[in-house]
């Protein structure tokens, strides 16, 4: 029992219960040769929630976001949700799919994370990078690419998504 508790602390984020960066790195190293996609999410308006409503409310928002991301993970094969820290999350999908299907999923996630029955307004921006077995860079590179796409999404209108290829055109 003690070992399982230690393992949970090593691989999971304490606040949200999602996997942490360490777990994502290990899974990526343990499963080379996959195809898939990385969705890098950053919450829009989260700083204002903490500033106006307090950090306790901010924690509640992060837990609710985690719960919503878990629903998307359950719908997919070989998927995981990760909290990198603060208001940054990763959805990793270890399977191939068409760009159109990734777009539909991204739209659903953006919609899900922008609908709140509260006084605060939070939404999300997403940077997406797709990779395959032919060109599968290291996780660090994929996260950097997804971050570039995320920055492009946040720079445009926020509450949207951007693919890495589009971010560089």
N, C-alpha and C. Protein backbone atom coordinates (compact mmCIF):
# COMPACT_ATOMS: atom_id res chain seq x y z
N UNK A 1 0.83 -1.19 0.00
CA UNK A 1 0.00 0.00 0.00
C UNK A 1 0.88 1.26 0.00
N UNK A 2 1.92 1.24 0.80
CA UNK A 2 2.84 2.37 0.89
C UNK A 2 3.51 2.61 -0.45
N UNK A 3 3.92 1.53 -1.13
CA UNK A 3 4.55 1.64 -2.44
C UNK A 3 3.61 2.29 -3.45
N UNK A 4 2.35 1.88 -3.45
CA UNK A 4 1.37 2.45 -4.37
C UNK A 4 1.17 3.95 -4.10
N UNK A 5 1.18 4.32 -2.85
CA UNK A 5 1.04 5.73 -2.49
C UNK A 5 2.25 6.54 -2.98
N UNK A 6 3.45 5.99 -2.81
CA UNK A 6 4.65 6.66 -3.30
C UNK A 6 4.62 6.80 -4.82
N UNK A 7 4.18 5.75 -5.48
CA UNK A 7 4.11 5.77 -6.93
C UNK A 7 3.11 6.82 -7.41
N UNK A 8 1.99 6.94 -6.73
CA UNK A 8 0.99 7.94 -7.08
C UNK A 8 1.57 9.35 -6.95
N UNK A 9 2.31 9.60 -5.89
CA UNK A 9 2.93 10.91 -5.70
C UNK A 9 4.00 11.19 -6.74
N UNK A 10 4.67 10.15 -7.20
CA UNK A 10 5.74 10.34 -8.18
C UNK A 10 5.19 10.66 -9.57
N UNK A 11 4.03 10.11 -9.92
CA UNK A 11 3.51 10.22 -11.29
C UNK A 11 2.33 11.17 -11.45
N UNK A 12 1.72 11.61 -10.35
CA UNK A 12 0.48 12.39 -10.44
C UNK A 12 0.65 13.78 -9.84
N UNK A 13 -0.08 14.72 -10.42
CA UNK A 13 -0.16 16.07 -9.89
C UNK A 13 -1.05 16.04 -8.65
N UNK A 14 -0.59 16.62 -7.57
CA UNK A 14 -1.30 16.55 -6.30
C UNK A 14 -2.66 17.25 -6.34
N UNK A 15 -2.75 18.38 -7.03
CA UNK A 15 -3.99 19.16 -7.04
C UNK A 15 -5.06 18.54 -7.93
N UNK A 16 -4.70 18.15 -9.14
CA UNK A 16 -5.69 17.72 -10.12
C UNK A 16 -5.84 16.21 -10.25
N UNK A 17 -4.82 15.47 -9.80
CA UNK A 17 -4.84 14.03 -9.98
C UNK A 17 -4.46 13.59 -11.38
N UNK A 18 -4.15 14.54 -12.26
CA UNK A 18 -3.70 14.18 -13.61
C UNK A 18 -2.24 13.73 -13.54
N UNK A 19 -1.79 13.10 -14.59
CA UNK A 19 -0.38 12.74 -14.66
C UNK A 19 0.48 14.00 -14.68
N UNK A 20 1.76 13.85 -14.31
CA UNK A 20 2.68 14.98 -14.33
C UNK A 20 3.68 14.82 -15.49
N UNK A 21 4.53 15.82 -15.64
CA UNK A 21 5.51 15.83 -16.73
C UNK A 21 6.44 14.61 -16.65
N UNK A 22 6.82 14.21 -15.47
CA UNK A 22 7.71 13.06 -15.28
C UNK A 22 7.08 11.81 -15.88
N UNK A 23 5.78 11.62 -15.64
CA UNK A 23 5.08 10.45 -16.17
C UNK A 23 5.00 10.51 -17.70
N UNK A 24 4.69 11.69 -18.24
CA UNK A 24 4.64 11.86 -19.69
C UNK A 24 5.98 11.51 -20.31
N UNK A 25 7.04 12.00 -19.74
CA UNK A 25 8.38 11.71 -20.24
C UNK A 25 8.66 10.22 -20.23
N UNK A 26 8.34 9.56 -19.14
CA UNK A 26 8.58 8.11 -19.03
C UNK A 26 7.76 7.34 -20.06
N UNK A 27 6.49 7.68 -20.21
CA UNK A 27 5.65 6.99 -21.19
C UNK A 27 6.17 7.19 -22.61
N UNK A 28 6.63 8.39 -22.88
CA UNK A 28 7.15 8.69 -24.21
C UNK A 28 8.41 7.88 -24.48
N UNK A 29 9.28 7.77 -23.49
CA UNK A 29 10.51 6.99 -23.64
C UNK A 29 10.22 5.49 -23.74
N UNK A 30 9.21 5.02 -23.01
CA UNK A 30 8.88 3.60 -22.98
C UNK A 30 8.14 3.12 -24.23
N UNK A 31 7.61 4.04 -25.03
CA UNK A 31 6.83 3.66 -26.21
C UNK A 31 7.34 4.38 -27.46
N UNK A 32 8.57 4.09 -27.86
CA UNK A 32 9.09 4.73 -29.07
C UNK A 32 8.37 4.17 -30.30
N UNK A 33 8.39 4.94 -31.36
CA UNK A 33 7.81 4.46 -32.61
C UNK A 33 6.33 4.69 -32.73
N UNK A 34 5.74 5.43 -31.81
CA UNK A 34 4.32 5.73 -31.90
C UNK A 34 4.06 6.85 -32.90
N UNK A 35 2.83 6.93 -33.31
CA UNK A 35 2.34 8.11 -34.00
C UNK A 35 1.37 8.79 -33.05
N UNK A 36 1.07 10.05 -33.28
CA UNK A 36 0.12 10.69 -32.40
C UNK A 36 0.09 12.19 -32.50
N UNK A 37 -0.43 12.80 -31.45
CA UNK A 37 -0.56 14.25 -31.40
C UNK A 37 -0.38 14.72 -29.96
N UNK A 38 0.16 15.93 -29.85
CA UNK A 38 0.29 16.60 -28.57
C UNK A 38 -0.53 17.88 -28.64
N UNK A 39 -1.46 18.02 -27.71
CA UNK A 39 -2.24 19.24 -27.57
C UNK A 39 -1.70 19.95 -26.33
N UNK A 40 -1.19 21.16 -26.49
CA UNK A 40 -0.65 21.96 -25.40
C UNK A 40 -1.70 23.03 -25.08
N UNK A 41 -2.30 22.95 -23.89
CA UNK A 41 -3.38 23.85 -23.51
C UNK A 41 -2.90 24.84 -22.46
N UNK A 42 -3.35 26.07 -22.60
CA UNK A 42 -3.09 27.11 -21.62
C UNK A 42 -4.41 27.84 -21.40
N UNK A 43 -4.78 28.05 -20.15
CA UNK A 43 -6.06 28.68 -19.86
C UNK A 43 -5.97 30.19 -20.07
N UNK A 44 -6.95 30.73 -20.77
CA UNK A 44 -7.08 32.16 -20.98
C UNK A 44 -7.91 32.73 -19.83
N UNK A 45 -7.43 33.79 -19.21
CA UNK A 45 -8.19 34.44 -18.14
C UNK A 45 -7.98 33.84 -16.77
N UNK A 46 -7.10 32.87 -16.66
CA UNK A 46 -6.91 32.20 -15.36
C UNK A 46 -6.27 33.12 -14.33
N UNK A 47 -5.35 33.96 -14.74
CA UNK A 47 -4.70 34.88 -13.80
C UNK A 47 -5.74 35.78 -13.14
N UNK A 48 -6.74 36.22 -13.92
CA UNK A 48 -7.78 37.08 -13.36
C UNK A 48 -8.62 36.34 -12.33
N UNK A 49 -8.85 35.04 -12.54
CA UNK A 49 -9.58 34.25 -11.55
C UNK A 49 -8.84 34.27 -10.23
N UNK A 50 -7.54 34.01 -10.27
CA UNK A 50 -6.74 34.03 -9.04
C UNK A 50 -6.72 35.42 -8.42
N UNK A 51 -6.55 36.45 -9.26
CA UNK A 51 -6.45 37.82 -8.75
C UNK A 51 -7.76 38.32 -8.15
N UNK A 52 -8.88 38.01 -8.80
CA UNK A 52 -10.17 38.55 -8.38
C UNK A 52 -10.87 37.65 -7.36
N UNK A 53 -10.85 36.34 -7.60
CA UNK A 53 -11.61 35.42 -6.77
C UNK A 53 -10.76 34.65 -5.76
N UNK A 54 -9.45 34.71 -5.91
CA UNK A 54 -8.55 34.04 -4.98
C UNK A 54 -8.03 32.72 -5.49
N UNK A 55 -6.94 32.27 -4.88
CA UNK A 55 -6.27 31.05 -5.31
C UNK A 55 -7.09 29.80 -5.01
N UNK A 56 -7.92 29.84 -3.99
CA UNK A 56 -8.77 28.68 -3.71
C UNK A 56 -9.74 28.45 -4.87
N UNK A 57 -10.31 29.54 -5.39
CA UNK A 57 -11.18 29.42 -6.56
C UNK A 57 -10.37 28.97 -7.77
N UNK A 58 -9.16 29.49 -7.91
CA UNK A 58 -8.29 29.05 -8.99
C UNK A 58 -8.04 27.56 -8.94
N UNK A 59 -7.83 27.03 -7.75
CA UNK A 59 -7.63 25.58 -7.60
C UNK A 59 -8.88 24.81 -8.03
N UNK A 60 -10.04 25.34 -7.70
CA UNK A 60 -11.29 24.68 -8.10
C UNK A 60 -11.41 24.67 -9.62
N UNK A 61 -11.04 25.77 -10.26
CA UNK A 61 -11.07 25.84 -11.72
C UNK A 61 -10.13 24.78 -12.31
N UNK A 62 -8.92 24.69 -11.79
CA UNK A 62 -7.96 23.70 -12.30
C UNK A 62 -8.48 22.28 -12.13
N UNK A 63 -9.13 22.00 -11.02
CA UNK A 63 -9.69 20.67 -10.80
C UNK A 63 -10.84 20.39 -11.77
N UNK A 64 -11.65 21.40 -12.05
CA UNK A 64 -12.74 21.22 -13.01
C UNK A 64 -12.20 21.02 -14.42
N UNK A 65 -11.17 21.77 -14.78
CA UNK A 65 -10.54 21.58 -16.09
C UNK A 65 -10.01 20.16 -16.20
N UNK A 66 -9.36 19.68 -15.16
CA UNK A 66 -8.83 18.31 -15.16
C UNK A 66 -9.95 17.30 -15.37
N UNK A 67 -11.08 17.51 -14.71
CA UNK A 67 -12.22 16.60 -14.85
C UNK A 67 -12.73 16.60 -16.29
N UNK A 68 -12.80 17.76 -16.90
CA UNK A 68 -13.27 17.85 -18.29
C UNK A 68 -12.27 17.19 -19.24
N UNK A 69 -10.99 17.37 -18.99
CA UNK A 69 -9.97 16.74 -19.85
C UNK A 69 -10.02 15.22 -19.73
N UNK A 70 -10.29 14.72 -18.54
CA UNK A 70 -10.42 13.26 -18.35
C UNK A 70 -11.51 12.69 -19.25
N UNK A 71 -12.59 13.43 -19.44
CA UNK A 71 -13.67 12.94 -20.30
C UNK A 71 -13.18 12.76 -21.74
N UNK A 72 -12.38 13.69 -22.22
CA UNK A 72 -11.85 13.56 -23.58
C UNK A 72 -10.88 12.39 -23.67
N UNK A 73 -10.08 12.18 -22.66
CA UNK A 73 -9.12 11.08 -22.65
C UNK A 73 -9.86 9.74 -22.69
N UNK A 74 -10.96 9.63 -21.96
CA UNK A 74 -11.72 8.37 -21.93
C UNK A 74 -12.27 8.00 -23.30
N UNK A 75 -12.51 9.01 -24.14
CA UNK A 75 -13.09 8.77 -25.47
C UNK A 75 -12.06 8.28 -26.49
N UNK A 76 -10.79 8.40 -26.18
CA UNK A 76 -9.72 8.13 -27.15
C UNK A 76 -8.92 6.87 -26.78
N UNK A 77 -8.36 6.26 -27.79
CA UNK A 77 -7.42 5.17 -27.55
C UNK A 77 -6.07 5.78 -27.20
N UNK A 78 -5.40 5.18 -26.25
CA UNK A 78 -4.02 5.54 -25.93
C UNK A 78 -3.85 7.04 -25.72
N UNK A 79 -4.61 7.60 -24.79
CA UNK A 79 -4.56 9.04 -24.52
C UNK A 79 -4.30 9.27 -23.04
N UNK A 80 -3.70 10.44 -22.75
CA UNK A 80 -3.48 10.81 -21.36
C UNK A 80 -3.55 12.31 -21.21
N UNK A 81 -3.97 12.75 -20.04
CA UNK A 81 -4.00 14.16 -19.69
C UNK A 81 -2.92 14.41 -18.65
N UNK A 82 -2.19 15.51 -18.83
CA UNK A 82 -1.05 15.84 -17.99
C UNK A 82 -1.16 17.30 -17.56
N UNK A 83 -0.89 17.57 -16.31
CA UNK A 83 -0.76 18.97 -15.88
C UNK A 83 0.73 19.26 -15.79
N UNK A 84 1.17 20.20 -16.62
CA UNK A 84 2.58 20.59 -16.59
C UNK A 84 2.87 21.45 -15.37
N UNK A 85 1.93 22.27 -15.00
CA UNK A 85 2.09 23.18 -13.88
C UNK A 85 1.26 24.41 -14.14
N UNK A 86 0.96 25.16 -13.11
CA UNK A 86 0.14 26.35 -13.27
C UNK A 86 -1.14 26.03 -14.01
N UNK A 87 -1.40 26.76 -15.08
CA UNK A 87 -2.61 26.52 -15.87
C UNK A 87 -2.27 25.93 -17.24
N UNK A 88 -1.19 25.16 -17.30
CA UNK A 88 -0.78 24.51 -18.54
C UNK A 88 -1.01 23.00 -18.46
N UNK A 89 -1.62 22.48 -19.52
CA UNK A 89 -1.96 21.07 -19.59
C UNK A 89 -1.53 20.51 -20.94
N UNK A 90 -1.30 19.21 -20.95
CA UNK A 90 -0.99 18.48 -22.18
C UNK A 90 -2.02 17.37 -22.33
N UNK A 91 -2.53 17.23 -23.53
CA UNK A 91 -3.27 16.02 -23.91
C UNK A 91 -2.39 15.32 -24.92
N UNK A 92 -2.02 14.09 -24.60
CA UNK A 92 -1.18 13.30 -25.52
C UNK A 92 -2.00 12.14 -26.03
N UNK A 93 -2.02 12.02 -27.35
CA UNK A 93 -2.75 10.95 -28.02
C UNK A 93 -1.73 10.10 -28.77
N UNK A 94 -1.60 8.85 -28.39
CA UNK A 94 -0.60 7.96 -28.98
C UNK A 94 -1.15 7.13 -30.11
N UNK A 95 -1.90 7.76 -31.01
CA UNK A 95 -2.42 7.06 -32.19
C UNK A 95 -2.56 8.04 -33.34
N UNK A 96 -2.61 7.51 -34.53
CA UNK A 96 -2.75 8.33 -35.73
C UNK A 96 -4.21 8.67 -35.95
N UNK A 97 -4.42 9.81 -36.53
CA UNK A 97 -5.77 10.23 -36.92
C UNK A 97 -5.64 11.29 -38.00
N UNK A 98 -6.72 11.60 -38.66
CA UNK A 98 -6.68 12.61 -39.70
C UNK A 98 -6.65 14.01 -39.07
N UNK A 99 -6.14 14.94 -39.82
CA UNK A 99 -6.09 16.32 -39.35
C UNK A 99 -7.51 16.82 -39.03
N UNK A 100 -8.47 16.43 -39.85
CA UNK A 100 -9.85 16.85 -39.64
C UNK A 100 -10.39 16.36 -38.31
N UNK A 101 -10.05 15.14 -37.95
CA UNK A 101 -10.52 14.60 -36.67
C UNK A 101 -9.84 15.30 -35.50
N UNK A 102 -8.54 15.64 -35.65
CA UNK A 102 -7.86 16.40 -34.59
C UNK A 102 -8.52 17.78 -34.45
N UNK A 103 -8.88 18.37 -35.59
CA UNK A 103 -9.55 19.68 -35.55
C UNK A 103 -10.89 19.60 -34.83
N UNK A 104 -11.67 18.59 -35.14
CA UNK A 104 -12.97 18.43 -34.46
C UNK A 104 -12.78 18.26 -32.97
N UNK A 105 -11.79 17.47 -32.59
CA UNK A 105 -11.52 17.27 -31.17
C UNK A 105 -11.09 18.59 -30.52
N UNK A 106 -10.21 19.33 -31.17
CA UNK A 106 -9.75 20.61 -30.63
C UNK A 106 -10.93 21.57 -30.45
N UNK A 107 -11.83 21.63 -31.40
CA UNK A 107 -13.01 22.50 -31.29
C UNK A 107 -13.86 22.11 -30.10
N UNK A 108 -14.04 20.81 -29.90
CA UNK A 108 -14.84 20.34 -28.76
C UNK A 108 -14.18 20.72 -27.44
N UNK A 109 -12.85 20.58 -27.38
CA UNK A 109 -12.14 20.93 -26.14
C UNK A 109 -12.25 22.43 -25.88
N UNK A 110 -12.05 23.26 -26.90
CA UNK A 110 -12.17 24.71 -26.74
C UNK A 110 -13.57 25.06 -26.23
N UNK A 111 -14.59 24.46 -26.83
CA UNK A 111 -15.96 24.73 -26.39
C UNK A 111 -16.17 24.29 -24.95
N UNK A 112 -15.73 23.10 -24.63
CA UNK A 112 -15.91 22.56 -23.27
C UNK A 112 -15.25 23.44 -22.22
N UNK A 113 -14.08 23.97 -22.53
CA UNK A 113 -13.35 24.75 -21.52
C UNK A 113 -13.70 26.24 -21.56
N UNK A 114 -14.68 26.61 -22.35
CA UNK A 114 -15.11 28.02 -22.36
C UNK A 114 -16.52 28.18 -21.80
N UNK A 115 -17.15 27.08 -21.43
CA UNK A 115 -18.52 27.13 -20.90
C UNK A 115 -18.49 26.96 -19.39
N UNK A 116 -18.75 28.06 -18.69
CA UNK A 116 -18.73 28.08 -17.23
C UNK A 116 -20.00 28.75 -16.72
N UNK A 117 -20.61 28.16 -15.74
CA UNK A 117 -21.80 28.76 -15.12
C UNK A 117 -21.37 29.50 -13.85
N UNK A 118 -20.46 30.46 -14.04
CA UNK A 118 -19.89 31.21 -12.93
C UNK A 118 -19.70 32.67 -13.34
N UNK A 119 -19.23 33.47 -12.41
CA UNK A 119 -18.98 34.88 -12.69
C UNK A 119 -17.67 35.11 -13.43
N UNK A 120 -16.78 34.15 -13.42
CA UNK A 120 -15.50 34.34 -14.08
C UNK A 120 -15.52 33.74 -15.48
N UNK A 121 -14.66 34.30 -16.32
CA UNK A 121 -14.55 33.86 -17.70
C UNK A 121 -13.19 33.21 -17.91
N UNK A 122 -13.21 31.94 -18.18
CA UNK A 122 -12.00 31.20 -18.48
C UNK A 122 -12.23 30.48 -19.81
N UNK A 123 -11.22 30.44 -20.63
CA UNK A 123 -11.28 29.67 -21.87
C UNK A 123 -9.91 29.04 -22.05
N UNK A 124 -9.68 28.47 -23.22
CA UNK A 124 -8.38 27.84 -23.45
C UNK A 124 -7.89 28.13 -24.86
N UNK A 125 -6.59 28.16 -24.98
CA UNK A 125 -5.93 28.19 -26.28
C UNK A 125 -5.11 26.91 -26.37
N UNK A 126 -5.01 26.36 -27.58
CA UNK A 126 -4.35 25.07 -27.76
C UNK A 126 -3.35 25.14 -28.91
N UNK A 127 -2.16 24.64 -28.67
CA UNK A 127 -1.17 24.43 -29.71
C UNK A 127 -1.09 22.95 -29.99
N UNK A 128 -1.15 22.57 -31.25
CA UNK A 128 -1.22 21.15 -31.63
C UNK A 128 -0.05 20.80 -32.53
N UNK A 129 0.60 19.69 -32.21
CA UNK A 129 1.64 19.16 -33.10
C UNK A 129 1.31 17.68 -33.33
N UNK A 130 1.36 17.29 -34.60
CA UNK A 130 1.10 15.91 -35.00
C UNK A 130 2.43 15.28 -35.38
N UNK A 131 2.64 14.05 -34.99
CA UNK A 131 3.90 13.37 -35.34
C UNK A 131 3.59 11.95 -35.78
N UNK A 132 4.55 11.36 -36.49
CA UNK A 132 4.37 9.97 -36.93
C UNK A 132 5.67 9.20 -36.72
N UNK A 133 5.63 7.94 -37.08
CA UNK A 133 6.79 7.08 -36.84
C UNK A 133 7.97 7.48 -37.70
N UNK A 134 7.70 8.11 -38.84
CA UNK A 134 8.78 8.53 -39.73
C UNK A 134 9.54 9.73 -39.16
N UNK A 135 8.77 10.68 -38.63
CA UNK A 135 9.38 11.87 -38.04
C UNK A 135 8.82 12.04 -36.64
N UNK A 136 9.51 11.45 -35.68
CA UNK A 136 9.06 11.53 -34.30
C UNK A 136 10.18 12.13 -33.48
N UNK A 137 10.17 13.44 -33.30
CA UNK A 137 11.22 14.06 -32.50
C UNK A 137 11.07 13.72 -31.03
N UNK A 138 12.03 14.10 -30.27
CA UNK A 138 11.97 13.88 -28.83
C UNK A 138 10.81 14.68 -28.24
N UNK A 139 10.36 14.25 -27.08
CA UNK A 139 9.26 14.92 -26.40
C UNK A 139 9.56 16.40 -26.21
N UNK A 140 10.78 16.72 -25.84
CA UNK A 140 11.16 18.11 -25.62
C UNK A 140 10.89 18.96 -26.86
N UNK A 141 11.23 18.42 -28.03
CA UNK A 141 11.03 19.14 -29.29
C UNK A 141 9.54 19.26 -29.59
N UNK A 142 8.78 18.18 -29.38
CA UNK A 142 7.34 18.24 -29.61
C UNK A 142 6.68 19.29 -28.72
N UNK A 143 7.10 19.36 -27.46
CA UNK A 143 6.53 20.36 -26.55
C UNK A 143 6.91 21.77 -27.00
N UNK A 144 8.12 21.94 -27.49
CA UNK A 144 8.53 23.26 -28.00
C UNK A 144 7.69 23.64 -29.22
N UNK A 145 7.47 22.69 -30.11
CA UNK A 145 6.67 22.96 -31.31
C UNK A 145 5.22 23.27 -30.93
N UNK A 146 4.68 22.49 -30.01
CA UNK A 146 3.31 22.74 -29.57
C UNK A 146 3.21 24.10 -28.88
N UNK A 147 4.26 24.49 -28.16
CA UNK A 147 4.28 25.79 -27.50
C UNK A 147 4.30 26.93 -28.51
N UNK A 148 5.02 26.75 -29.62
CA UNK A 148 5.03 27.76 -30.69
C UNK A 148 3.62 27.92 -31.25
N UNK A 149 2.95 26.80 -31.50
CA UNK A 149 1.58 26.85 -32.01
C UNK A 149 0.64 27.46 -30.98
N UNK A 150 0.85 27.14 -29.72
CA UNK A 150 0.03 27.72 -28.64
C UNK A 150 0.20 29.24 -28.61
N UNK A 151 1.42 29.70 -28.72
CA UNK A 151 1.68 31.14 -28.71
C UNK A 151 0.97 31.81 -29.89
N UNK A 152 0.97 31.17 -31.05
CA UNK A 152 0.28 31.71 -32.22
C UNK A 152 -1.23 31.78 -31.96
N UNK A 153 -1.78 30.76 -31.31
CA UNK A 153 -3.21 30.77 -30.98
C UNK A 153 -3.54 31.89 -30.01
N UNK A 154 -2.71 32.04 -28.99
CA UNK A 154 -2.94 33.08 -27.98
C UNK A 154 -2.75 34.48 -28.58
N UNK A 155 -1.87 34.60 -29.56
CA UNK A 155 -1.60 35.89 -30.19
C UNK A 155 -2.72 36.31 -31.13
N UNK A 156 -3.46 35.33 -31.64
CA UNK A 156 -4.52 35.67 -32.60
C UNK A 156 -5.75 36.18 -31.85
N UNK A 157 -6.57 35.29 -31.39
CA UNK A 157 -7.81 35.72 -30.73
C UNK A 157 -8.02 35.04 -29.38
N UNK A 158 -7.16 34.14 -29.01
CA UNK A 158 -7.34 33.29 -27.83
C UNK A 158 -8.58 32.43 -28.02
N UNK A 159 -8.84 31.54 -27.07
CA UNK A 159 -9.99 30.66 -27.12
C UNK A 159 -10.08 29.96 -28.49
N UNK A 160 -8.93 29.48 -28.95
CA UNK A 160 -8.88 28.80 -30.24
C UNK A 160 -7.73 27.80 -30.23
N UNK A 161 -7.47 27.19 -31.36
CA UNK A 161 -6.36 26.24 -31.48
C UNK A 161 -5.56 26.60 -32.73
N UNK A 162 -4.35 26.10 -32.76
CA UNK A 162 -3.46 26.33 -33.91
C UNK A 162 -2.57 25.10 -34.07
N UNK A 163 -2.43 24.64 -35.30
CA UNK A 163 -1.50 23.55 -35.57
C UNK A 163 -0.10 24.11 -35.74
N UNK A 164 0.90 23.33 -35.42
CA UNK A 164 2.28 23.78 -35.52
C UNK A 164 2.62 24.23 -36.93
N UNK A 165 2.23 23.48 -37.94
CA UNK A 165 2.55 23.84 -39.32
C UNK A 165 1.97 25.22 -39.67
N UNK A 166 0.77 25.47 -39.23
CA UNK A 166 0.13 26.76 -39.50
C UNK A 166 0.84 27.89 -38.78
N UNK A 167 1.37 27.59 -37.63
CA UNK A 167 2.04 28.63 -36.84
C UNK A 167 3.29 29.14 -37.53
N UNK A 168 3.85 28.32 -38.41
CA UNK A 168 5.12 28.70 -39.04
C UNK A 168 4.94 29.25 -40.46
N UNK A 169 3.74 29.36 -40.94
CA UNK A 169 3.52 29.87 -42.32
C UNK A 169 3.45 31.37 -42.33
